[in-house]
Amino acid sequence: MKEKKVTGAKGLKRFQSLTAMLILIICVMVSIPTIGLACLGVYYLSQSMEESAQLYEESMLEGYSMEIKSQVQGAIEVVQSYYRSQAGEITEEEAKELAREAVRHMRYRDDASGYIWIDGADHVLVMHPILTEQEGDNRYDLTDQNGVKVTQNIVSAAKSGGGYNEFYFTKSDGTTVAPKIAYSQMFEPWGWAIATGNYVDDMNAKIDGQKDNIEKEFSKMLLIYGVAAVVMLVLAVVIAALCGLRIT
């Protein structure tokens, strides 16, 4: 009788060991692909976030470049309209004065921070809405902190049919010196290099702000994805355990 009890106890232990082993095997078989898929999903989600941020940065930089080019071309159209009017009731000097003042008051962007200035082909400042006290000055030797000849490059790009320049320049606050990208194009009849530009730090601040928003959205998606993956893993383990019990 005792022998039968011992045999029965051993059989029960073997059954329990077999059940535990089977459940463990099934759980491992289910968990590994579930965890693998979760990691793969996180990787592709991260890659998607980085690509989105990069594409946004590229599109923003291209947009800024197109913006300043279109603003210069718009200013040229304004100047052109006054140039045509000199054939009527006003003289050339009057037409130039009216054109200068019209361009002086042109603004763009939501905060009206964008403005346009005019350098002469002889490097004399024709009009600048911020640096009004320098109008009439010859800026041929204007050089930034890296030795870049600012006005010379602006006029040269304008004479070549229009182009971009990079240099350091003082911002409208009168103290901050920052890198700037400008676009200039020549109005040939009057020898005016009409230009405008963007400060690189302002562009980067806006781009970084949007990148932060993208990263926040990614974090939210990652949290949701992580919770869903954990729930799926728990359900898989529970189902695996139930299957193992039923099989044994």
C-alpha atoms as a PDB file:
ATOM      1  CA  MET A   1       0.000   0.000   0.000  1.00  0.00           C
ATOM      2  CA  LYS A   2       2.817   2.317   0.948  1.00  0.00           C
ATOM      3  CA  GLU A   3       4.587   1.355  -2.205  1.00  0.00           C
ATOM      4  CA  LYS A   4       1.540   2.357  -4.262  1.00  0.00           C
ATOM      5  CA  LYS A   5       1.386   5.709  -2.474  1.00  0.00           C
ATOM      6  CA  VAL A   6       5.056   6.336  -3.145  1.00  0.00           C
ATOM      7  CA  THR A   7       4.604   5.377  -6.782  1.00  0.00           C
ATOM      8  CA  GLY A   8       1.556   7.648  -7.034  1.00  0.00           C
ATOM      9  CA  ALA A   9       3.441  10.552  -5.453  1.00  0.00           C
ATOM     10  CA  LYS A  10       6.314  10.098  -7.867  1.00  0.00           C
ATOM     11  CA  GLY A  11       3.892  10.007 -10.778  1.00  0.00           C
ATOM     12  CA  LEU A  12       2.243  13.207  -9.576  1.00  0.00           C
ATOM     13  CA  LYS A  13       5.603  14.944  -9.284  1.00  0.00           C
ATOM     14  CA  ARG A  14       6.533  13.808 -12.797  1.00  0.00           C
ATOM     15  CA  PHE A  15       3.187  15.035 -14.072  1.00  0.00           C
ATOM     16  CA  GLN A  16       3.697  18.390 -12.382  1.00  0.00           C
ATOM     17  CA  SER A  17       7.251  18.640 -13.714  1.00  0.00           C
ATOM     18  CA  LEU A  18       6.055  17.748 -17.203  1.00  0.00           C
ATOM     19  CA  THR A  19       3.266  20.328 -16.965  1.00  0.00           C
ATOM     20  CA  ALA A  20       5.647  23.048 -15.779  1.00  0.00           C
ATOM     21  CA  MET A  21       8.189  22.208 -18.468  1.00  0.00           C
ATOM     22  CA  LEU A  22       5.548  22.191 -21.212  1.00  0.00           C
ATOM     23  CA  ILE A  23       4.098  25.506 -20.032  1.00  0.00           C
ATOM     24  CA  LEU A  24       7.596  27.010 -19.881  1.00  0.00           C
ATOM     25  CA  ILE A  25       8.433  25.809 -23.393  1.00  0.00           C
ATOM     26  CA  ILE A  26       5.201  27.184 -24.832  1.00  0.00           C
ATOM     27  CA  CYS A  27       5.635  30.489 -22.968  1.00  0.00           C
ATOM     28  CA  VAL A  28       9.177  30.866 -24.290  1.00  0.00           C
ATOM     29  CA  MET A  29       8.072  29.990 -27.823  1.00  0.00           C
ATOM     30  CA  VAL A  30       5.323  32.604 -27.635  1.00  0.00           C
ATOM     31  CA  SER A  31       7.331  35.275 -25.779  1.00  0.00           C
ATOM     32  CA  ILE A  32      10.378  35.339 -28.047  1.00  0.00           C
ATOM     33  CA  PRO A  33       8.541  36.311 -31.262  1.00  0.00           C
ATOM     34  CA  THR A  34       6.268  38.716 -29.331  1.00  0.00           C
ATOM     35  CA  ILE A  35       9.254  40.520 -27.788  1.00  0.00           C
ATOM     36  CA  GLY A  36      11.075  40.405 -31.138  1.00  0.00           C
ATOM     37  CA  LEU A  37       8.154  41.991 -32.957  1.00  0.00           C
ATOM     38  CA  ALA A  38       7.858  44.649 -30.234  1.00  0.00           C
ATOM     39  CA  CYS A  39      11.548  45.544 -30.531  1.00  0.00           C
ATOM     40  CA  LEU A  40      11.283  45.606 -34.312  1.00  0.00           C
ATOM     41  CA  GLY A  41       8.276  47.897 -34.095  1.00  0.00           C
ATOM     42  CA  VAL A  42      10.108  50.277 -31.752  1.00  0.00           C
ATOM     43  CA  TYR A  43      13.102  50.330 -34.113  1.00  0.00           C
ATOM     44  CA  TYR A  44      11.023  51.166 -37.195  1.00  0.00           C
ATOM     45  CA  LEU A  45       9.033  53.726 -35.218  1.00  0.00           C
ATOM     46  CA  SER A  46      12.286  55.379 -34.151  1.00  0.00           C
ATOM     47  CA  GLN A  47      13.578  55.343 -37.736  1.00  0.00           C
ATOM     48  CA  SER A  48      10.332  56.873 -38.942  1.00  0.00           C
ATOM     49  CA  MET A  49      10.630  59.635 -36.353  1.00  0.00           C
ATOM     50  CA  GLU A  50      14.203  60.450 -37.397  1.00  0.00           C
ATOM     51  CA  GLU A  51      13.277  60.477 -41.090  1.00  0.00           C
ATOM     52  CA  SER A  52      10.288  62.728 -40.403  1.00  0.00           C
ATOM     53  CA  ALA A  53      12.462  65.164 -38.460  1.00  0.00           C
ATOM     54  CA  GLN A  54      15.096  65.179 -41.207  1.00  0.00           C
ATOM     55  CA  LEU A  55      12.531  65.683 -43.975  1.00  0.00           C
ATOM     56  CA  TYR A  56      10.944  68.498 -41.997  1.00  0.00           C
ATOM     57  CA  GLU A  57      14.313  70.211 -41.544  1.00  0.00           C
ATOM     58  CA  GLU A  58      15.128  69.905 -45.246  1.00  0.00           C
ATOM     59  CA  SER A  59      11.708  71.208 -46.302  1.00  0.00           C
ATOM     60  CA  MET A  60      11.936  74.104 -43.838  1.00  0.00           C
ATOM     61  CA  LEU A  61      15.394  75.132 -45.081  1.00  0.00           C
ATOM     62  CA  GLU A  62      14.214  74.904 -48.671  1.00  0.00           C
ATOM     63  CA  GLY A  63      11.117  76.885 -47.743  1.00  0.00           C
ATOM     64  CA  TYR A  64      13.202  79.630 -46.143  1.00  0.00           C
ATOM     65  CA  SER A  65      15.389  79.826 -49.251  1.00  0.00           C
ATOM     66  CA  MET A  66      12.377  80.064 -51.543  1.00  0.00           C
ATOM     67  CA  GLU A  67      10.760  82.625 -49.241  1.00  0.00           C
ATOM     68  CA  ILE A  68      13.585  85.161 -49.399  1.00  0.00           C
ATOM     69  CA  LYS A  69      13.993  84.646 -53.152  1.00  0.00           C
ATOM     70  CA  SER A  70      10.289  85.271 -53.778  1.00  0.00           C
ATOM     71  CA  GLN A  71      10.334  88.353 -51.526  1.00  0.00           C
ATOM     72  CA  VAL A  72      13.226  89.844 -53.510  1.00  0.00           C
ATOM     73  CA  GLN A  73      11.481  89.101 -56.786  1.00  0.00           C
ATOM     74  CA  GLY A  74       8.326  90.726 -55.428  1.00  0.00           C
ATOM     75  CA  ALA A  75      10.310  93.825 -54.478  1.00  0.00           C
ATOM     76  CA  ILE A  76      11.799  93.940 -57.971  1.00  0.00           C
ATOM     77  CA  GLU A  77       8.277  93.939 -59.393  1.00  0.00           C
ATOM     78  CA  VAL A  78       7.434  96.912 -57.164  1.00  0.00           C
ATOM     79  CA  VAL A  79      10.553  98.778 -58.285  1.00  0.00           C
ATOM     80  CA  GLN A  80       9.788  97.883 -61.893  1.00  0.00           C
ATOM     81  CA  SER A  81       6.366  99.497 -61.601  1.00  0.00           C
ATOM     82  CA  TYR A  82       7.918 102.792 -60.476  1.00  0.00           C
ATOM     83  CA  TYR A  83      10.577 102.523 -63.169  1.00  0.00           C
ATOM     84  CA  ARG A  84       7.848 102.339 -65.808  1.00  0.00           C
ATOM     85  CA  SER A  85       5.985 105.294 -64.289  1.00  0.00           C
ATOM     86  CA  GLN A  86       8.939 107.663 -64.866  1.00  0.00           C
ATOM     87  CA  ALA A  87       7.967 107.734 -68.548  1.00  0.00           C
ATOM     88  CA  GLY A  88       4.836 109.561 -67.477  1.00  0.00           C
ATOM     89  CA  GLU A  89       4.445 112.424 -65.029  1.00  0.00           C
ATOM     90  CA  ILE A  90       7.434 111.899 -62.693  1.00  0.00           C
ATOM     91  CA  THR A  91      11.174 112.131 -63.124  1.00  0.00           C
ATOM     92  CA  GLU A  92      13.638 109.281 -62.642  1.00  0.00           C
ATOM     93  CA  GLU A  93      14.759 110.643 -59.272  1.00  0.00           C
ATOM     94  CA  GLU A  94      11.179 110.902 -58.089  1.00  0.00           C
ATOM     95  CA  ALA A  95      10.528 107.359 -59.277  1.00  0.00           C
ATOM     96  CA  LYS A  96      13.619 106.113 -57.402  1.00  0.00           C
ATOM     97  CA  GLU A  97      12.544 107.879 -54.220  1.00  0.00           C
ATOM     98  CA  LEU A  98       9.043 106.413 -54.407  1.00  0.00           C
ATOM     99  CA  ALA A  99      10.463 102.945 -55.132  1.00  0.00           C
ATOM    100  CA  ARG A 100      12.910 103.167 -52.202  1.00  0.00           C
ATOM    101  CA  GLU A 101      10.152 104.130 -49.777  1.00  0.00           C
ATOM    102  CA  ALA A 102       7.824 101.446 -51.071  1.00  0.00           C
ATOM    103  CA  VAL A 103      10.472  98.762 -50.556  1.00  0.00           C
ATOM    104  CA  ARG A 104      11.447 100.261 -47.174  1.00  0.00           C
ATOM    105  CA  HIS A 105       7.958  99.555 -45.832  1.00  0.00           C
ATOM    106  CA  MET A 106       7.714  96.025 -47.235  1.00  0.00           C
ATOM    107  CA  ARG A 107       7.543  93.378 -44.505  1.00  0.00           C
ATOM    108  CA  TYR A 108       6.920  89.656 -44.443  1.00  0.00           C
ATOM    109  CA  ARG A 109       6.474  86.793 -41.928  1.00  0.00           C
ATOM    110  CA  ASP A 110       3.826  86.728 -39.212  1.00  0.00           C
ATOM    111  CA  ASP A 111       5.895  88.908 -36.880  1.00  0.00           C
ATOM    112  CA  ALA A 112       6.862  91.314 -39.704  1.00  0.00           C
ATOM    113  CA  SER A 113      10.530  90.636 -38.972  1.00  0.00           C
ATOM    114  CA  GLY A 114      11.416  90.172 -42.632  1.00  0.00           C
ATOM    115  CA  TYR A 115      12.657  93.282 -44.424  1.00  0.00           C
ATOM    116  CA  ILE A 116      14.411  94.154 -47.698  1.00  0.00           C
ATOM    117  CA  TRP A 117      17.391  96.415 -48.361  1.00  0.00           C
ATOM    118  CA  ILE A 118      19.078  97.798 -51.473  1.00  0.00           C
ATOM    119  CA  ASP A 119      22.786  98.082 -52.254  1.00  0.00           C
ATOM    120  CA  GLY A 120      24.013  99.891 -55.341  1.00  0.00           C
ATOM    121  CA  ALA A 121      26.207  98.255 -57.951  1.00  0.00           C
ATOM    122  CA  ASP A 122      28.878 100.680 -56.695  1.00  0.00           C
ATOM    123  CA  HIS A 123      28.458  99.180 -53.173  1.00  0.00           C
ATOM    124  CA  VAL A 124      26.777 102.309 -51.814  1.00  0.00           C
ATOM    125  CA  LEU A 125      23.857 101.546 -49.496  1.00  0.00           C
ATOM    126  CA  VAL A 126      20.767 102.841 -51.301  1.00  0.00           C
ATOM    127  CA  MET A 127      18.179 101.901 -48.674  1.00  0.00           C
ATOM    128  CA  HIS A 128      18.040  99.918 -45.444  1.00  0.00           C
ATOM    129  CA  PRO A 129      14.952 100.083 -43.171  1.00  0.00           C
ATOM    130  CA  ILE A 130      17.016  99.304 -40.047  1.00  0.00           C
ATOM    131  CA  LEU A 131      20.368 100.969 -40.809  1.00  0.00           C
ATOM    132  CA  THR A 132      18.922 104.243 -42.115  1.00  0.00           C
ATOM    133  CA  GLU A 133      21.904 106.216 -40.778  1.00  0.00           C
ATOM    134  CA  GLN A 134      24.213 104.269 -43.130  1.00  0.00           C
ATOM    135  CA  GLU A 135      22.294 105.084 -46.311  1.00  0.00           C
ATOM    136  CA  GLY A 136      24.645 106.735 -48.788  1.00  0.00           C
ATOM    137  CA  ASP A 137      27.715 105.059 -47.255  1.00  0.00           C
ATOM    138  CA  ASN A 138      30.023 103.012 -49.437  1.00  0.00           C
ATOM    139  CA  ARG A 139      30.097  99.508 -47.908  1.00  0.00           C
ATOM    140  CA  TYR A 140      32.662  98.001 -50.266  1.00  0.00           C
ATOM    141  CA  ASP A 141      34.947  97.055 -47.364  1.00  0.00           C
ATOM    142  CA  LEU A 142      32.171  95.767 -45.061  1.00  0.00           C
ATOM    143  CA  THR A 143      33.635  92.546 -43.631  1.00  0.00           C
ATOM    144  CA  ASP A 144      32.219  90.059 -41.131  1.00  0.00           C
ATOM    145  CA  GLN A 145      34.097  88.339 -38.289  1.00  0.00           C
ATOM    146  CA  ASN A 146      35.301  85.574 -40.615  1.00  0.00           C
ATOM    147  CA  GLY A 147      36.702  87.944 -43.221  1.00  0.00           C
ATOM    148  CA  VAL A 148      33.763  87.598 -45.624  1.00  0.00           C
ATOM    149  CA  LYS A 149      33.238  90.699 -47.790  1.00  0.00           C
ATOM    150  CA  VAL A 150      29.515  91.059 -47.187  1.00  0.00           C
ATOM    151  CA  THR A 151      28.463  93.777 -49.641  1.00  0.00           C
ATOM    152  CA  GLN A 152      30.884  92.666 -52.330  1.00  0.00           C
ATOM    153  CA  ASN A 153      29.427  89.152 -52.272  1.00  0.00           C
ATOM    154  CA  ILE A 154      25.835  90.407 -52.235  1.00  0.00           C
ATOM    155  CA  VAL A 155      26.407  92.651 -55.250  1.00  0.00           C
ATOM    156  CA  SER A 156      28.412  89.968 -57.052  1.00  0.00           C
ATOM    157  CA  ALA A 157      25.630  87.378 -56.578  1.00  0.00           C
ATOM    158  CA  ALA A 158      23.036  89.893 -57.777  1.00  0.00           C
ATOM    159  CA  LYS A 159      25.050  90.706 -60.913  1.00  0.00           C
ATOM    160  CA  SER A 160      25.394  87.000 -61.716  1.00  0.00           C
ATOM    161  CA  GLY A 161      21.626  86.699 -62.110  1.00  0.00           C
ATOM    162  CA  GLY A 162      20.710  86.286 -58.459  1.00  0.00           C
ATOM    163  CA  GLY A 163      22.126  84.108 -55.723  1.00  0.00           C
ATOM    164  CA  TYR A 164      22.612  83.297 -52.059  1.00  0.00           C
ATOM    165  CA  ASN A 165      25.333  84.410 -49.644  1.00  0.00           C
ATOM    166  CA  GLU A 166      26.260  83.421 -46.098  1.00  0.00           C
ATOM    167  CA  PHE A 167      27.867  85.808 -43.644  1.00  0.00           C
ATOM    168  CA  TYR A 168      27.700  87.074 -40.061  1.00  0.00           C
ATOM    169  CA  PHE A 169      25.727  90.226 -39.397  1.00  0.00           C
ATOM    170  CA  THR A 170      24.334  92.211 -36.467  1.00  0.00           C
ATOM    171  CA  LYS A 171      20.657  91.557 -35.767  1.00  0.00           C
ATOM    172  CA  SER A 172      18.034  94.276 -35.360  1.00  0.00           C
ATOM    173  CA  ASP A 173      18.698  94.466 -31.599  1.00  0.00           C
ATOM    174  CA  GLY A 174      22.022  96.116 -32.446  1.00  0.00           C
ATOM    175  CA  THR A 175      24.159  93.729 -30.368  1.00  0.00           C
ATOM    176  CA  THR A 176      23.619  90.104 -31.389  1.00  0.00           C
ATOM    177  CA  VAL A 177      25.858  88.924 -34.220  1.00  0.00           C
ATOM    178  CA  ALA A 178      24.569  85.801 -35.961  1.00  0.00           C
ATOM    179  CA  PRO A 179      25.074  83.881 -39.217  1.00  0.00           C
ATOM    180  CA  LYS A 180      22.763  85.008 -41.998  1.00  0.00           C
ATOM    181  CA  ILE A 181      21.748  83.634 -45.388  1.00  0.00           C
ATOM    182  CA  ALA A 182      20.771  86.321 -47.906  1.00  0.00           C
ATOM    183  CA  TYR A 183      19.427  86.297 -51.437  1.00  0.00           C
ATOM    184  CA  SER A 184      20.111  89.196 -53.819  1.00  0.00           C
ATOM    185  CA  GLN A 185      19.076  90.024 -57.368  1.00  0.00           C
ATOM    186  CA  MET A 186      19.939  92.977 -59.561  1.00  0.00           C
ATOM    187  CA  PHE A 187      17.490  95.529 -60.916  1.00  0.00           C
ATOM    188  CA  GLU A 188      19.578  96.399 -63.943  1.00  0.00           C
ATOM    189  CA  PRO A 189      18.058  99.735 -65.066  1.00  0.00           C
ATOM    190  CA  TRP A 190      19.028 101.454 -61.816  1.00  0.00           C
ATOM    191  CA  GLY A 191      21.944  99.225 -60.796  1.00  0.00           C
ATOM    192  CA  TRP A 192      20.249  98.167 -57.551  1.00  0.00           C
ATOM    193  CA  ALA A 193      21.126  94.907 -55.792  1.00  0.00           C
ATOM    194  CA  ILE A 194      17.885  94.157 -53.933  1.00  0.00           C
ATOM    195  CA  ALA A 195      18.358  91.711 -51.062  1.00  0.00           C
ATOM    196  CA  THR A 196      16.832  90.104 -47.990  1.00  0.00           C
ATOM    197  CA  GLY A 197      17.831  87.258 -45.702  1.00  0.00           C
ATOM    198  CA  ASN A 198      17.237  84.926 -42.781  1.00  0.00           C
ATOM    199  CA  TYR A 199      19.251  84.568 -39.587  1.00  0.00           C
ATOM    200  CA  VAL A 200      20.346  80.965 -39.199  1.00  0.00           C
ATOM    201  CA  ASP A 201      19.753  80.864 -35.435  1.00  0.00           C
ATOM    202  CA  ASP A 202      16.131  81.975 -35.904  1.00  0.00           C
ATOM    203  CA  MET A 203      15.594  79.264 -38.506  1.00  0.00           C
ATOM    204  CA  ASN A 204      17.207  76.629 -36.291  1.00  0.00           C
ATOM    205  CA  ALA A 205      15.079  77.676 -33.304  1.00  0.00           C
ATOM    206  CA  LYS A 206      11.883  77.107 -35.286  1.00  0.00           C
ATOM    207  CA  ILE A 207      13.156  73.835 -36.727  1.00  0.00           C
ATOM    208  CA  ASP A 208      14.247  72.587 -33.288  1.00  0.00           C
ATOM    209  CA  GLY A 209      10.853  73.541 -31.861  1.00  0.00           C
ATOM    210  CA  GLN A 210       9.090  71.429 -34.456  1.00  0.00           C
ATOM    211  CA  LYS A 211      11.546  68.594 -33.891  1.00  0.00           C
ATOM    212  CA  ASP A 212      10.658  68.676 -30.194  1.00  0.00           C
ATOM    213  CA  ASN A 213       6.993  68.310 -31.137  1.00  0.00           C
ATOM    214  CA  ILE A 214       7.838  65.332 -33.345  1.00  0.00           C
ATOM    215  CA  GLU A 215       9.806  63.726 -30.495  1.00  0.00           C
ATOM    216  CA  LYS A 216       6.924  64.282 -28.062  1.00  0.00           C
ATOM    217  CA  GLU A 217       4.527  62.609 -30.467  1.00  0.00           C
ATOM    218  CA  PHE A 218       7.006  59.767 -30.863  1.00  0.00           C
ATOM    219  CA  SER A 219       7.203  59.354 -27.072  1.00  0.00           C
ATOM    220  CA  LYS A 220       3.410  59.135 -26.863  1.00  0.00           C
ATOM    221  CA  MET A 221       3.283  56.574 -29.658  1.00  0.00           C
ATOM    222  CA  LEU A 222       6.105  54.618 -28.036  1.00  0.00           C
ATOM    223  CA  LEU A 223       4.251  54.548 -24.704  1.00  0.00           C
ATOM    224  CA  ILE A 224       1.057  53.321 -26.372  1.00  0.00           C
ATOM    225  CA  TYR A 225       3.010  50.759 -28.342  1.00  0.00           C
ATOM    226  CA  GLY A 226       4.839  49.575 -25.213  1.00  0.00           C
ATOM    227  CA  VAL A 227       1.615  49.142 -23.226  1.00  0.00           C
ATOM    228  CA  ALA A 228       0.029  47.249 -26.120  1.00  0.00           C
ATOM    229  CA  ALA A 229       3.106  45.001 -26.401  1.00  0.00           C
ATOM    230  CA  VAL A 230       3.053  44.208 -22.656  1.00  0.00           C
ATOM    231  CA  VAL A 231      -0.674  43.408 -22.774  1.00  0.00           C
ATOM    232  CA  MET A 232      -0.139  41.148 -25.774  1.00  0.00           C
ATOM    233  CA  LEU A 233       2.762  39.425 -24.046  1.00  0.00           C
ATOM    234  CA  VAL A 234       0.742  38.801 -20.864  1.00  0.00           C
ATOM    235  CA  LEU A 235      -2.190  37.441 -22.878  1.00  0.00           C
ATOM    236  CA  ALA A 236       0.170  35.216 -24.844  1.00  0.00           C
ATOM    237  CA  VAL A 237       1.705  33.814 -21.659  1.00  0.00           C
ATOM    238  CA  VAL A 238      -1.728  33.190 -20.098  1.00  0.00           C
ATOM    239  CA  ILE A 239      -2.992  31.453 -23.240  1.00  0.00           C
ATOM    240  CA  ALA A 240       0.220  29.427 -23.426  1.00  0.00           C
ATOM    241  CA  ALA A 241      -0.169  28.346 -19.791  1.00  0.00           C
ATOM    242  CA  LEU A 242      -3.780  27.305 -20.329  1.00  0.00           C
ATOM    243  CA  CYS A 243      -2.835  25.367 -23.442  1.00  0.00           C
ATOM    244  CA  GLY A 244      -0.020  23.635 -21.580  1.00  0.00           C
ATOM    245  CA  LEU A 245      -2.338  22.604 -18.752  1.00  0.00           C
ATOM    246  CA  ARG A 246      -4.924  21.318 -21.187  1.00  0.00           C
ATOM    247  CA  ILE A 247      -2.360  19.299 -23.144  1.00  0.00           C
ATOM    248  CA  THR A 248      -0.893  17.670 -20.018  1.00  0.00           C
END
